[in-house]
Protein backbone atom coordinates (compact mmCIF):
# COMPACT_ATOMS: atom_id res chain seq x y z
CA UNK A 1 114.31 -44.61 -5.93
CA UNK A 2 112.92 -48.14 -6.20
CA UNK A 3 109.78 -49.01 -8.13
CA UNK A 4 108.08 -49.85 -4.87
CA UNK A 5 108.83 -46.39 -3.48
CA UNK A 6 107.53 -44.78 -6.66
CA UNK A 7 104.25 -46.58 -6.19
CA UNK A 8 104.04 -45.33 -2.62
CA UNK A 9 104.78 -41.68 -3.37
CA UNK A 10 101.35 -40.73 -4.86
CA UNK A 11 99.58 -42.24 -1.86
CA UNK A 12 101.58 -40.53 0.87
CA UNK A 13 100.22 -37.01 0.26
CA UNK A 14 96.68 -38.38 0.11
CA UNK A 15 97.18 -40.32 3.33
CA UNK A 16 98.54 -37.21 5.02
CA UNK A 17 95.64 -35.17 3.66
CA UNK A 18 93.13 -37.75 4.89
CA UNK A 19 94.69 -37.91 8.35
CA UNK A 20 94.88 -34.12 8.58
CA UNK A 21 91.26 -33.72 7.45
CA UNK A 22 90.15 -36.40 9.91
CA UNK A 23 92.00 -34.81 12.82
CA UNK A 24 90.65 -31.35 11.96
CA UNK A 25 87.12 -32.66 11.63
CA UNK A 26 87.49 -34.69 14.82
CA UNK A 27 88.69 -31.70 16.80
CA UNK A 28 85.94 -29.51 15.33
CA UNK A 29 83.30 -32.11 16.19
CA UNK A 30 84.72 -32.57 19.69
CA UNK A 31 84.59 -28.87 20.55
CA UNK A 32 81.12 -28.66 19.04
CA UNK A 33 80.23 -31.58 21.28
CA UNK A 34 81.58 -29.78 24.37
CA UNK A 35 79.27 -26.83 23.68
CA UNK A 36 76.33 -29.22 24.00
CA UNK A 37 77.67 -31.82 26.41
CA UNK A 38 78.89 -29.64 29.28
CA UNK A 39 75.97 -27.17 29.71
CA UNK A 40 73.27 -29.82 29.25
CA UNK A 41 75.00 -32.16 31.68
CA UNK A 42 75.37 -29.38 34.26
CA UNK A 43 71.75 -28.20 33.93
CA UNK A 44 70.52 -31.78 34.24
CA UNK A 45 72.69 -32.29 37.31
CA UNK A 46 71.18 -29.18 38.92
CA UNK A 47 67.66 -30.38 38.15
CA UNK A 48 68.49 -33.68 39.82
CA UNK A 49 70.28 -32.15 42.82
CA UNK A 50 67.46 -29.74 43.68
CA UNK A 51 64.85 -32.44 43.09
CA UNK A 52 63.01 -30.41 40.45
CA UNK A 53 62.90 -33.22 37.96
CA UNK A 54 61.29 -35.63 40.45
CA UNK A 55 58.47 -33.19 41.18
CA UNK A 56 57.40 -33.66 37.56
CA UNK A 57 57.04 -37.43 37.91
CA UNK A 58 53.25 -37.29 37.59
CA UNK A 59 53.55 -35.82 34.07
CA UNK A 60 55.91 -38.42 32.65
CA UNK A 61 55.30 -41.52 34.75
CA UNK A 62 52.67 -43.10 32.43
CA UNK A 63 54.87 -42.75 29.33
CA UNK A 64 58.03 -43.87 31.12
CA UNK A 65 56.17 -46.74 32.80
CA UNK A 66 55.31 -47.99 29.31
CA UNK A 67 59.05 -48.18 28.60
CA UNK A 68 59.77 -49.51 32.12
CA UNK A 69 61.89 -46.45 32.91
CA UNK A 70 61.86 -43.93 35.79
CA UNK A 71 60.20 -40.58 35.06
CA UNK A 72 63.56 -38.78 35.09
CA UNK A 73 64.56 -40.75 31.96
CA UNK A 74 62.37 -38.37 29.95
CA UNK A 75 65.16 -35.76 30.17
CA UNK A 76 67.80 -37.58 28.05
CA UNK A 77 65.04 -38.85 25.74
CA UNK A 78 63.70 -35.37 25.00
CA UNK A 79 67.15 -33.74 24.90
CA UNK A 80 68.55 -36.42 22.59
CA UNK A 81 65.47 -36.37 20.39
CA UNK A 82 65.99 -32.71 19.54
CA UNK A 83 69.73 -32.08 20.03
CA UNK A 84 71.23 -35.41 18.99
CA UNK A 85 73.17 -38.30 20.51
CA UNK A 86 75.65 -36.06 22.32
CA UNK A 87 73.00 -34.10 24.18
CA UNK A 88 71.22 -37.30 25.18
CA UNK A 89 74.45 -38.81 26.52
CA UNK A 90 75.20 -35.62 28.43
CA UNK A 91 71.82 -35.70 30.15
CA UNK A 92 72.00 -39.46 30.72
CA UNK A 93 75.44 -39.27 32.30
CA UNK A 94 74.15 -36.76 34.85
CA UNK A 95 71.31 -39.02 36.02
CA UNK A 96 71.61 -41.88 38.54
CA UNK A 97 70.51 -44.61 36.12
CA UNK A 98 71.32 -48.30 36.06
CA UNK A 99 73.02 -49.98 33.11
CA UNK A 100 69.74 -51.56 32.00
CA UNK A 101 67.94 -48.22 32.08
CA UNK A 102 70.75 -46.56 30.13
CA UNK A 103 70.59 -49.38 27.57
CA UNK A 104 66.88 -48.69 26.95
CA UNK A 105 67.49 -44.96 26.62
CA UNK A 106 70.36 -45.67 24.23
CA UNK A 107 68.16 -47.90 22.08
CA UNK A 108 65.52 -45.15 21.84
CA UNK A 109 68.07 -42.43 21.04
CA UNK A 110 70.01 -44.48 18.50
CA UNK A 111 66.81 -44.65 16.44
CA UNK A 112 65.41 -41.18 17.20
CA UNK A 113 67.90 -38.36 17.71
CA UNK A 114 68.45 -34.99 16.09
CA UNK A 115 65.01 -35.58 14.66
CA UNK A 116 64.54 -32.12 13.11
CA UNK A 117 67.83 -31.94 11.19
CA UNK A 118 67.83 -35.56 10.07
CA UNK A 119 64.19 -35.47 9.00
CA UNK A 120 64.99 -32.45 6.84
CA UNK A 121 67.86 -34.40 5.24
CA UNK A 122 65.52 -37.29 4.51
CA UNK A 123 62.91 -34.86 3.21
CA UNK A 124 65.41 -33.44 0.70
CA UNK A 125 66.33 -36.90 -0.51
CA UNK A 126 63.05 -38.55 -1.38
CA UNK A 127 60.66 -39.00 1.56
CA UNK A 128 58.15 -36.82 3.42
CA UNK A 129 60.04 -35.32 6.41
CA UNK A 130 57.02 -35.43 8.72
CA UNK A 131 56.42 -39.08 7.94
CA UNK A 132 60.14 -39.79 8.46
CA UNK A 133 60.07 -38.15 11.91
CA UNK A 134 56.83 -39.82 13.01
CA UNK A 135 57.99 -43.22 11.76
CA UNK A 136 61.30 -43.07 13.64
CA UNK A 137 59.69 -41.97 16.91
CA UNK A 138 57.03 -44.68 16.66
CA UNK A 139 59.65 -47.35 15.97
CA UNK A 140 61.72 -46.04 18.91
CA UNK A 141 58.85 -46.65 21.32
CA UNK A 142 58.05 -50.09 19.88
CA UNK A 143 61.65 -51.36 19.86
CA UNK A 144 62.43 -49.94 23.31
CA UNK A 145 59.25 -51.50 24.72
CA UNK A 146 60.15 -54.92 23.26
CA UNK A 147 63.70 -54.70 24.64
CA UNK A 148 62.32 -53.69 28.05
CA UNK A 149 60.11 -56.78 28.02
CA UNK A 150 63.12 -58.92 27.12
CA UNK A 151 65.08 -57.46 30.06
CA UNK A 152 62.06 -58.24 32.24
CA UNK A 153 62.02 -58.40 36.03
CA UNK A 154 65.66 -57.43 36.43
CA UNK A 155 64.90 -54.04 34.89
CA UNK A 156 61.92 -53.41 37.18
CA UNK A 157 63.92 -54.37 40.24
CA UNK A 158 66.84 -52.18 39.29
CA UNK A 159 64.47 -49.27 38.61
CA UNK A 160 62.97 -49.34 42.08
CA UNK A 161 66.40 -49.57 43.69
CA UNK A 162 67.62 -46.68 41.58
CA UNK A 163 64.72 -44.43 42.56
CA UNK A 164 65.14 -45.31 46.21
CA UNK A 165 68.82 -44.44 45.98
CA UNK A 166 67.95 -41.11 44.40
CA UNK A 167 65.56 -40.16 47.16
CA UNK A 168 68.04 -41.09 49.87
CA UNK A 169 71.00 -39.35 48.23
CA UNK A 170 72.38 -36.53 50.35
CA UNK A 171 75.31 -34.49 49.00
CA UNK A 172 76.54 -30.99 49.61
CA UNK A 173 76.44 -28.72 46.59
CA UNK A 174 80.24 -28.52 46.49
CA UNK A 175 80.62 -32.31 46.59
CA UNK A 176 77.99 -32.68 43.88
CA UNK A 177 79.88 -30.17 41.74
CA UNK A 178 83.17 -31.98 42.24
CA UNK A 179 81.64 -35.34 41.33
CA UNK A 180 80.00 -33.86 38.24
CA UNK A 181 83.23 -32.20 37.06
CA UNK A 182 85.20 -35.43 37.39
CA UNK A 183 82.50 -37.52 35.69
CA UNK A 184 82.07 -35.13 32.78
CA UNK A 185 85.85 -34.88 32.38
CA UNK A 186 86.20 -38.67 32.16
CA UNK A 187 83.30 -38.90 29.72
CA UNK A 188 84.77 -36.19 27.48
CA UNK A 189 88.18 -37.88 27.42
CA UNK A 190 86.66 -41.23 26.54
CA UNK A 191 84.52 -39.75 23.77
CA UNK A 192 87.53 -37.82 22.43
CA UNK A 193 89.50 -41.04 21.95
CA UNK A 194 86.52 -42.58 20.18
CA UNK A 195 85.79 -39.67 17.85
CA UNK A 196 89.34 -38.91 16.69
CA UNK A 197 90.34 -42.29 15.21
CA UNK A 198 86.88 -42.75 13.71
CA UNK A 199 87.07 -39.40 11.93
CA UNK A 200 90.53 -40.21 10.57
CA UNK A 201 89.34 -43.58 9.22
CA UNK A 202 86.23 -42.01 7.66
CA UNK A 203 88.22 -39.23 5.99
CA UNK A 204 90.76 -41.74 4.62
CA UNK A 205 87.86 -43.78 3.23
CA UNK A 206 86.56 -40.69 1.44
CA UNK A 207 90.03 -39.69 0.23
CA UNK A 208 90.59 -43.06 -1.48
CA UNK A 209 86.96 -43.54 -2.57
CA UNK A 210 86.84 -46.79 -0.65
CA UNK A 211 83.08 -46.55 -0.17
CA UNK A 212 82.39 -46.73 -3.91
CA UNK A 213 84.49 -49.87 -4.31
CA UNK A 214 82.96 -51.56 -1.31
CA UNK A 215 79.47 -50.95 -2.71
CA UNK A 216 80.12 -53.58 -5.38
CA UNK A 217 80.79 -56.14 -2.66
CA UNK A 218 77.86 -55.38 -0.38
CA UNK A 219 75.02 -56.48 -2.66
CA UNK A 220 74.38 -59.60 -0.49
CA UNK A 221 74.05 -57.32 2.54
CA UNK A 222 71.61 -55.08 0.70
CA UNK A 223 69.57 -58.14 -0.25
CA UNK A 224 69.34 -59.21 3.40
CA UNK A 225 68.32 -55.68 4.36
CA UNK A 226 65.60 -55.69 1.73
CA UNK A 227 67.18 -52.85 -0.27
CA UNK A 228 67.77 -52.30 -3.98
CA UNK A 229 71.37 -52.44 -5.25
CA UNK A 230 70.95 -49.00 -6.83
CA UNK A 231 70.73 -47.49 -3.33
CA UNK A 232 73.98 -49.13 -2.20
CA UNK A 233 76.04 -45.92 -2.07
CA UNK A 234 73.28 -44.09 -0.21
CA UNK A 235 72.94 -46.88 2.35
CA UNK A 236 76.68 -47.21 2.85
CA UNK A 237 77.06 -43.45 3.27
CA UNK A 238 74.29 -43.30 5.88
CA UNK A 239 75.45 -46.46 7.63
CA UNK A 240 79.03 -45.18 7.84
CA UNK A 241 78.72 -41.42 8.23
CA UNK A 242 75.13 -41.01 9.43
CA UNK A 243 72.34 -38.81 8.11
CA UNK A 244 73.90 -35.56 9.30
CA UNK A 245 77.54 -36.08 8.26
CA UNK A 246 76.52 -37.93 5.10
CA UNK A 247 73.74 -35.50 4.19
CA UNK A 248 75.66 -33.84 1.34
CA UNK A 249 76.33 -37.16 -0.39
CA UNK A 250 72.82 -38.49 0.25
CA UNK A 251 71.03 -35.39 -1.08
CA UNK A 252 73.35 -35.00 -4.07
CA UNK A 253 73.08 -38.67 -5.03
CA UNK A 254 69.28 -38.57 -5.00
CA UNK A 255 69.34 -35.44 -7.16
CA UNK A 256 71.66 -36.88 -9.79
CA UNK A 257 70.03 -40.32 -9.93
CA UNK A 258 66.40 -41.20 -10.56
CA UNK A 259 65.11 -43.54 -7.86
CA UNK A 260 61.61 -44.94 -7.92
CA UNK A 261 59.42 -44.90 -4.83
CA UNK A 262 59.82 -48.65 -4.43
CA UNK A 263 63.62 -48.13 -4.32
CA UNK A 264 63.95 -45.01 -2.20
CA UNK A 265 61.24 -45.55 0.45
CA UNK A 266 62.66 -48.80 1.91
CA UNK A 267 66.07 -47.14 1.99
CA UNK A 268 64.79 -44.24 4.07
CA UNK A 269 62.89 -46.54 6.40
CA UNK A 270 66.09 -48.54 6.91
CA UNK A 271 68.58 -45.70 7.36
CA UNK A 272 66.11 -43.71 9.45
CA UNK A 273 66.22 -46.51 12.00
CA UNK A 274 69.77 -47.71 11.51
CA UNK A 275 72.47 -45.21 10.49
CA UNK A 276 75.94 -44.17 11.73
CA UNK A 277 76.45 -47.80 12.69
CA UNK A 278 80.02 -47.25 13.87
CA UNK A 279 80.18 -43.89 15.61
CA UNK A 280 76.80 -43.51 17.32
CA UNK A 281 76.70 -46.85 19.20
CA UNK A 282 80.39 -46.49 20.11
CA UNK A 283 79.64 -43.21 21.91
CA UNK A 284 77.54 -45.13 24.45
CA UNK A 285 80.26 -47.67 25.25
CA UNK A 286 81.94 -45.45 27.91
CA UNK A 287 78.69 -45.68 29.90
CA UNK A 288 79.16 -49.44 30.24
CA UNK A 289 76.20 -50.46 28.09
CA UNK A 290 76.56 -53.99 26.61
CA UNK A 291 77.31 -53.77 22.87
CA UNK A 292 74.51 -56.20 21.96
CA UNK A 293 71.89 -53.59 22.91
CA UNK A 294 73.66 -50.89 20.92
CA UNK A 295 73.86 -52.70 17.58
CA UNK A 296 71.35 -55.54 17.35
CA UNK A 297 67.88 -54.05 18.15
CA UNK A 298 67.85 -51.29 15.55
CA UNK A 299 69.46 -53.54 12.91
CA UNK A 300 66.66 -56.06 13.39
CA UNK A 301 64.08 -53.25 13.38
CA UNK A 302 65.49 -51.83 10.13
CA UNK A 303 65.27 -55.22 8.41
CA UNK A 304 61.73 -55.77 9.72
CA UNK A 305 60.64 -52.32 8.49
CA UNK A 306 61.86 -52.85 4.92
CA UNK A 307 60.32 -56.31 4.63
CA UNK A 308 57.04 -55.04 6.08
CA UNK A 309 57.07 -52.28 3.44
CA UNK A 310 57.58 -54.83 0.67
CA UNK A 311 54.80 -57.04 2.02
CA UNK A 312 52.36 -54.13 2.27
CA UNK A 313 53.36 -52.92 -1.20
CA UNK A 314 52.81 -56.42 -2.62
CA UNK A 315 49.37 -56.61 -1.00
CA UNK A 316 48.50 -53.14 -2.30
CA UNK A 317 49.50 -54.07 -5.86
CA UNK A 318 47.64 -57.38 -5.57
CA UNK A 319 44.52 -55.57 -4.39
CA UNK A 320 44.86 -53.06 -7.25
CA UNK A 321 45.10 -55.90 -9.79
CA UNK A 322 42.01 -57.52 -8.35
CA UNK A 323 40.14 -54.22 -8.50
CA UNK A 324 41.21 -53.68 -12.13
CA UNK A 325 40.22 -57.25 -13.01
CA UNK A 326 36.81 -56.76 -11.38
CA UNK A 327 36.24 -53.54 -13.35
CA UNK A 328 37.25 -55.35 -16.56
CA UNK A 329 34.83 -58.19 -15.88
CA UNK A 330 32.00 -55.76 -15.07
CA UNK A 331 32.59 -53.92 -18.31
């Protein structure tokens, strides 16, 4: 056996283990996804077919008008907010929405999804969970509103056409069922081929501790994001695996390391807005949404949030110094 082969031997079992773990996790996640995706998509399709959802327009129109979306868009927003990205995509795929409308919904859901579980994770790792949830939802509305304004008149025009098409749609129940089955099948296949390779890559990264080595290189990125270098592993974990999948690492790391409020709060503001930077946006690609809307808005929002925190913290400390100085002078 050559020296080169000897060097390769220790890695082969680990590579196999990483691939096996990734495939197992991918399959597990995919079947878990089906339990959410299929029933939610079917229920949403029924609500649309029987026109139930459009009879509730008067309840949601003001809120959706603010985001320049049709009232029916509230379904994927609410579903995704509480069940996660997969549920939101399932509901979105069942609605007759334009690409621009789906882009806005995707922007909202990429920031605010699975809000209960992920807020609990953030709560266990250094920030108030209620504040974390409120902050993410507020940022979702602000960022989506700004993006809607950027899209402008084209979005309004496409919305009116979409609603008119919905009203005029006339399908038999059997035809509707056939169309839904084919659409959901295609969506599941596309998502399957996105999830599987991603899970393998992520498991290989964990197997070879790649994340910990990369952390030493990403300090310039952390500086741009307005984050402390000490939180590099936490940020990289959340950015790569997300708050849910990376929860064990995030919670454990905050327990074993002492982070000050000035270090941990900007981190949570950033990863609350922008996490799972690979997997989550990629899940929306099968819907035909332009990648720029899936990656750029929440990245910009995350940077803005951390810098705003630092500015407010600086002003607070400056005000405190002035108050202390005034007290000293008075005494």
